[in-house]
Amino acid sequence: MNEDSIASWMADGACRAYPPNTFFPSDGVGVDRARKICATCSVTAQCLEYALENHIDHGVWGGCSERERRRISKRRRIAVRAA
């Protein structure tokens, strides 16, 4: 992803209407709130890919928690090795 395409999808994110700390919760309740916002977003797929490609460990990105992104990354690594 180049910087222009990143800026483009980020500008369209539903998260722009909320404080950044909404997506960096310290509890499970906060994660659920962030996920609900992500569920209304038109750029969830781009957001998730950005977080995965850049190995972002914290926060909710593309509707996924840190733990969920680690699982996705692990499955992808296993799939690449198997191919």
N, C-alpha and C. Protein backbone atom coordinates (compact mmCIF):
# COMPACT_ATOMS: atom_id res chain seq x y z
N MET A 1 0.83 -1.17 0.00
CA MET A 1 0.00 0.00 0.00
C MET A 1 0.88 1.24 0.00
N ASN A 2 0.61 2.15 -0.91
CA ASN A 2 1.38 3.38 -0.89
C ASN A 2 0.68 4.41 0.00
N GLU A 3 1.38 5.50 0.30
CA GLU A 3 0.86 6.49 1.24
C GLU A 3 -0.45 7.12 0.78
N ASP A 4 -0.60 7.35 -0.53
CA ASP A 4 -1.85 7.93 -1.04
C ASP A 4 -3.03 7.00 -0.82
N SER A 5 -2.84 5.71 -1.09
CA SER A 5 -3.96 4.78 -0.91
C SER A 5 -4.28 4.60 0.57
N ILE A 6 -3.26 4.65 1.43
CA ILE A 6 -3.50 4.56 2.87
C ILE A 6 -4.31 5.76 3.34
N ALA A 7 -3.89 6.95 2.94
CA ALA A 7 -4.61 8.16 3.34
C ALA A 7 -6.04 8.13 2.83
N SER A 8 -6.24 7.59 1.64
CA SER A 8 -7.57 7.54 1.05
C SER A 8 -8.51 6.68 1.88
N TRP A 9 -8.13 5.45 2.19
CA TRP A 9 -9.06 4.61 2.95
C TRP A 9 -9.19 5.08 4.38
N MET A 10 -8.12 5.60 4.96
CA MET A 10 -8.22 6.08 6.34
C MET A 10 -9.20 7.25 6.45
N ALA A 11 -9.23 8.09 5.43
CA ALA A 11 -10.16 9.23 5.43
C ALA A 11 -11.61 8.77 5.40
N ASP A 12 -11.85 7.56 4.89
CA ASP A 12 -13.20 7.02 4.79
C ASP A 12 -13.60 6.18 6.00
N GLY A 13 -12.71 5.99 6.94
CA GLY A 13 -12.98 5.12 8.08
C GLY A 13 -14.03 5.67 9.03
N ALA A 14 -14.90 4.80 9.50
CA ALA A 14 -15.91 5.18 10.49
C ALA A 14 -15.25 5.65 11.78
N CYS A 15 -14.04 5.19 12.04
CA CYS A 15 -13.32 5.53 13.26
C CYS A 15 -12.99 7.02 13.35
N ARG A 16 -12.99 7.71 12.23
CA ARG A 16 -12.64 9.13 12.22
C ARG A 16 -13.58 9.97 13.08
N ALA A 17 -14.78 9.46 13.33
CA ALA A 17 -15.76 10.21 14.11
C ALA A 17 -15.63 9.96 15.62
N TYR A 18 -14.61 9.18 16.02
CA TYR A 18 -14.46 8.81 17.42
C TYR A 18 -13.05 9.13 17.90
N PRO A 19 -12.88 9.31 19.21
CA PRO A 19 -11.52 9.53 19.73
C PRO A 19 -10.66 8.27 19.52
N PRO A 20 -9.39 8.44 19.23
CA PRO A 20 -8.52 7.29 18.98
C PRO A 20 -8.52 6.26 20.11
N ASN A 21 -8.64 6.71 21.36
CA ASN A 21 -8.59 5.75 22.47
C ASN A 21 -9.76 4.77 22.45
N THR A 22 -10.79 5.06 21.68
CA THR A 22 -11.91 4.13 21.51
C THR A 22 -11.42 2.81 20.93
N PHE A 23 -10.39 2.88 20.10
CA PHE A 23 -9.89 1.70 19.39
C PHE A 23 -8.65 1.09 20.04
N PHE A 24 -8.30 1.62 21.20
CA PHE A 24 -7.19 1.09 21.98
C PHE A 24 -7.67 0.86 23.42
N PRO A 25 -8.69 0.00 23.56
CA PRO A 25 -9.31 -0.21 24.88
C PRO A 25 -8.43 -1.04 25.80
N SER A 26 -8.71 -0.89 27.09
CA SER A 26 -7.96 -1.67 28.08
C SER A 26 -8.80 -2.81 28.64
N ASP A 27 -10.00 -2.99 28.10
CA ASP A 27 -10.85 -4.08 28.58
C ASP A 27 -11.69 -4.66 27.45
N GLY A 28 -12.31 -5.80 27.71
CA GLY A 28 -13.12 -6.47 26.70
C GLY A 28 -14.34 -5.68 26.27
N VAL A 29 -14.90 -4.89 27.18
CA VAL A 29 -16.07 -4.08 26.84
C VAL A 29 -15.69 -3.06 25.77
N GLY A 30 -14.53 -2.47 25.92
CA GLY A 30 -14.06 -1.50 24.94
C GLY A 30 -13.83 -2.12 23.57
N VAL A 31 -13.35 -3.36 23.56
CA VAL A 31 -13.13 -4.07 22.29
C VAL A 31 -14.46 -4.27 21.58
N ASP A 32 -15.48 -4.65 22.33
CA ASP A 32 -16.80 -4.85 21.72
C ASP A 32 -17.35 -3.55 21.15
N ARG A 33 -17.15 -2.45 21.85
CA ARG A 33 -17.61 -1.14 21.35
C ARG A 33 -16.89 -0.80 20.04
N ALA A 34 -15.59 -0.99 20.02
CA ALA A 34 -14.82 -0.69 18.80
C ALA A 34 -15.28 -1.58 17.65
N ARG A 35 -15.51 -2.85 17.92
CA ARG A 35 -15.97 -3.78 16.88
C ARG A 35 -17.30 -3.33 16.28
N LYS A 36 -18.20 -2.84 17.12
CA LYS A 36 -19.50 -2.37 16.63
C LYS A 36 -19.33 -1.20 15.67
N ILE A 37 -18.40 -0.33 15.98
CA ILE A 37 -18.12 0.80 15.08
C ILE A 37 -17.53 0.27 13.78
N CYS A 38 -16.58 -0.64 13.88
CA CYS A 38 -15.96 -1.23 12.69
C CYS A 38 -16.99 -1.94 11.81
N ALA A 39 -18.00 -2.52 12.42
CA ALA A 39 -19.02 -3.25 11.66
C ALA A 39 -19.81 -2.33 10.73
N THR A 40 -19.78 -1.03 11.00
CA THR A 40 -20.49 -0.06 10.15
C THR A 40 -19.58 0.56 9.10
N CYS A 41 -18.33 0.17 9.09
CA CYS A 41 -17.31 0.83 8.27
C CYS A 41 -17.16 0.20 6.89
N SER A 42 -16.94 1.05 5.90
CA SER A 42 -16.79 0.58 4.52
C SER A 42 -15.35 0.19 4.17
N VAL A 43 -14.40 0.46 5.06
CA VAL A 43 -13.00 0.17 4.75
C VAL A 43 -12.37 -0.82 5.74
N THR A 44 -13.20 -1.66 6.32
CA THR A 44 -12.72 -2.63 7.31
C THR A 44 -11.64 -3.55 6.74
N ALA A 45 -11.83 -4.03 5.53
CA ALA A 45 -10.85 -4.95 4.93
C ALA A 45 -9.49 -4.27 4.75
N GLN A 46 -9.49 -3.04 4.25
CA GLN A 46 -8.23 -2.32 4.06
C GLN A 46 -7.56 -2.06 5.41
N CYS A 47 -8.34 -1.72 6.40
CA CYS A 47 -7.83 -1.44 7.74
C CYS A 47 -7.16 -2.68 8.33
N LEU A 48 -7.83 -3.81 8.23
CA LEU A 48 -7.27 -5.05 8.75
C LEU A 48 -5.98 -5.41 8.02
N GLU A 49 -5.97 -5.31 6.71
CA GLU A 49 -4.75 -5.63 5.94
C GLU A 49 -3.61 -4.71 6.32
N TYR A 50 -3.90 -3.43 6.52
CA TYR A 50 -2.88 -2.47 6.93
C TYR A 50 -2.25 -2.90 8.26
N ALA A 51 -3.10 -3.26 9.22
CA ALA A 51 -2.60 -3.68 10.53
C ALA A 51 -1.77 -4.96 10.42
N LEU A 52 -2.22 -5.90 9.60
CA LEU A 52 -1.48 -7.15 9.44
C LEU A 52 -0.15 -6.93 8.72
N GLU A 53 -0.16 -6.16 7.65
CA GLU A 53 1.06 -5.92 6.87
C GLU A 53 2.10 -5.15 7.68
N ASN A 54 1.64 -4.29 8.58
CA ASN A 54 2.55 -3.45 9.36
C ASN A 54 2.79 -3.99 10.77
N HIS A 55 2.31 -5.20 11.02
CA HIS A 55 2.53 -5.88 12.31
C HIS A 55 2.14 -5.00 13.50
N ILE A 56 0.97 -4.37 13.39
CA ILE A 56 0.48 -3.52 14.48
C ILE A 56 -0.09 -4.42 15.57
N ASP A 57 0.49 -4.33 16.74
CA ASP A 57 0.14 -5.24 17.83
C ASP A 57 -0.98 -4.74 18.73
N HIS A 58 -1.25 -3.46 18.75
CA HIS A 58 -2.19 -2.91 19.71
C HIS A 58 -3.43 -2.34 19.04
N GLY A 59 -4.53 -2.41 19.75
CA GLY A 59 -5.77 -1.79 19.29
C GLY A 59 -6.64 -2.70 18.44
N VAL A 60 -7.79 -2.16 18.11
CA VAL A 60 -8.74 -2.84 17.24
C VAL A 60 -8.59 -2.24 15.85
N TRP A 61 -8.28 -3.07 14.89
CA TRP A 61 -8.09 -2.65 13.49
C TRP A 61 -8.92 -3.58 12.61
N GLY A 62 -9.70 -3.01 11.74
CA GLY A 62 -10.51 -3.84 10.84
C GLY A 62 -11.47 -4.75 11.59
N GLY A 63 -11.88 -4.32 12.77
CA GLY A 63 -12.82 -5.11 13.56
C GLY A 63 -12.20 -6.26 14.32
N CYS A 64 -10.87 -6.35 14.31
CA CYS A 64 -10.18 -7.47 14.97
C CYS A 64 -9.31 -6.99 16.13
N SER A 65 -9.34 -7.74 17.19
CA SER A 65 -8.49 -7.45 18.35
C SER A 65 -7.06 -7.91 18.07
N GLU A 66 -6.18 -7.60 19.00
CA GLU A 66 -4.78 -8.03 18.86
C GLU A 66 -4.71 -9.55 18.73
N ARG A 67 -5.43 -10.24 19.59
CA ARG A 67 -5.42 -11.71 19.59
C ARG A 67 -5.92 -12.26 18.25
N GLU A 68 -6.99 -11.69 17.74
CA GLU A 68 -7.53 -12.17 16.46
C GLU A 68 -6.55 -11.94 15.32
N ARG A 69 -5.87 -10.80 15.33
CA ARG A 69 -4.88 -10.53 14.28
C ARG A 69 -3.70 -11.48 14.37
N ARG A 70 -3.28 -11.83 15.59
CA ARG A 70 -2.20 -12.80 15.74
C ARG A 70 -2.61 -14.14 15.15
N ARG A 71 -3.84 -14.55 15.39
CA ARG A 71 -4.34 -15.82 14.83
C ARG A 71 -4.37 -15.77 13.31
N ILE A 72 -4.84 -14.68 12.75
CA ILE A 72 -4.88 -14.53 11.29
C ILE A 72 -3.47 -14.62 10.72
N SER A 73 -2.54 -13.90 11.33
CA SER A 73 -1.15 -13.91 10.86
C SER A 73 -0.56 -15.31 10.92
N LYS A 74 -0.84 -16.02 12.01
CA LYS A 74 -0.32 -17.38 12.16
C LYS A 74 -0.89 -18.29 11.08
N ARG A 75 -2.20 -18.21 10.83
CA ARG A 75 -2.82 -19.04 9.78
C ARG A 75 -2.21 -18.73 8.42
N ARG A 76 -1.95 -17.47 8.16
CA ARG A 76 -1.35 -17.10 6.87
C ARG A 76 0.06 -17.65 6.74
N ARG A 77 0.84 -17.58 7.80
CA ARG A 77 2.21 -18.12 7.76
C ARG A 77 2.18 -19.62 7.51
N ILE A 78 1.28 -20.32 8.17
CA ILE A 78 1.15 -21.77 7.98
C ILE A 78 0.74 -22.08 6.55
N ALA A 79 -0.18 -21.30 6.00
CA ALA A 79 -0.65 -21.52 4.63
C ALA A 79 0.48 -21.30 3.63
N VAL A 80 1.32 -20.30 3.86
CA VAL A 80 2.44 -20.01 2.96
C VAL A 80 3.44 -21.16 3.00
N ARG A 81 3.72 -21.67 4.18
CA ARG A 81 4.66 -22.79 4.31
C ARG A 81 4.13 -24.05 3.63
N ALA A 82 2.83 -24.24 3.71
CA ALA A 82 2.21 -25.44 3.12
C ALA A 82 2.13 -25.37 1.61
N ALA A 83 2.18 -24.17 1.07
CA ALA A 83 2.03 -24.00 -0.38
C ALA A 83 3.27 -24.37 -1.15
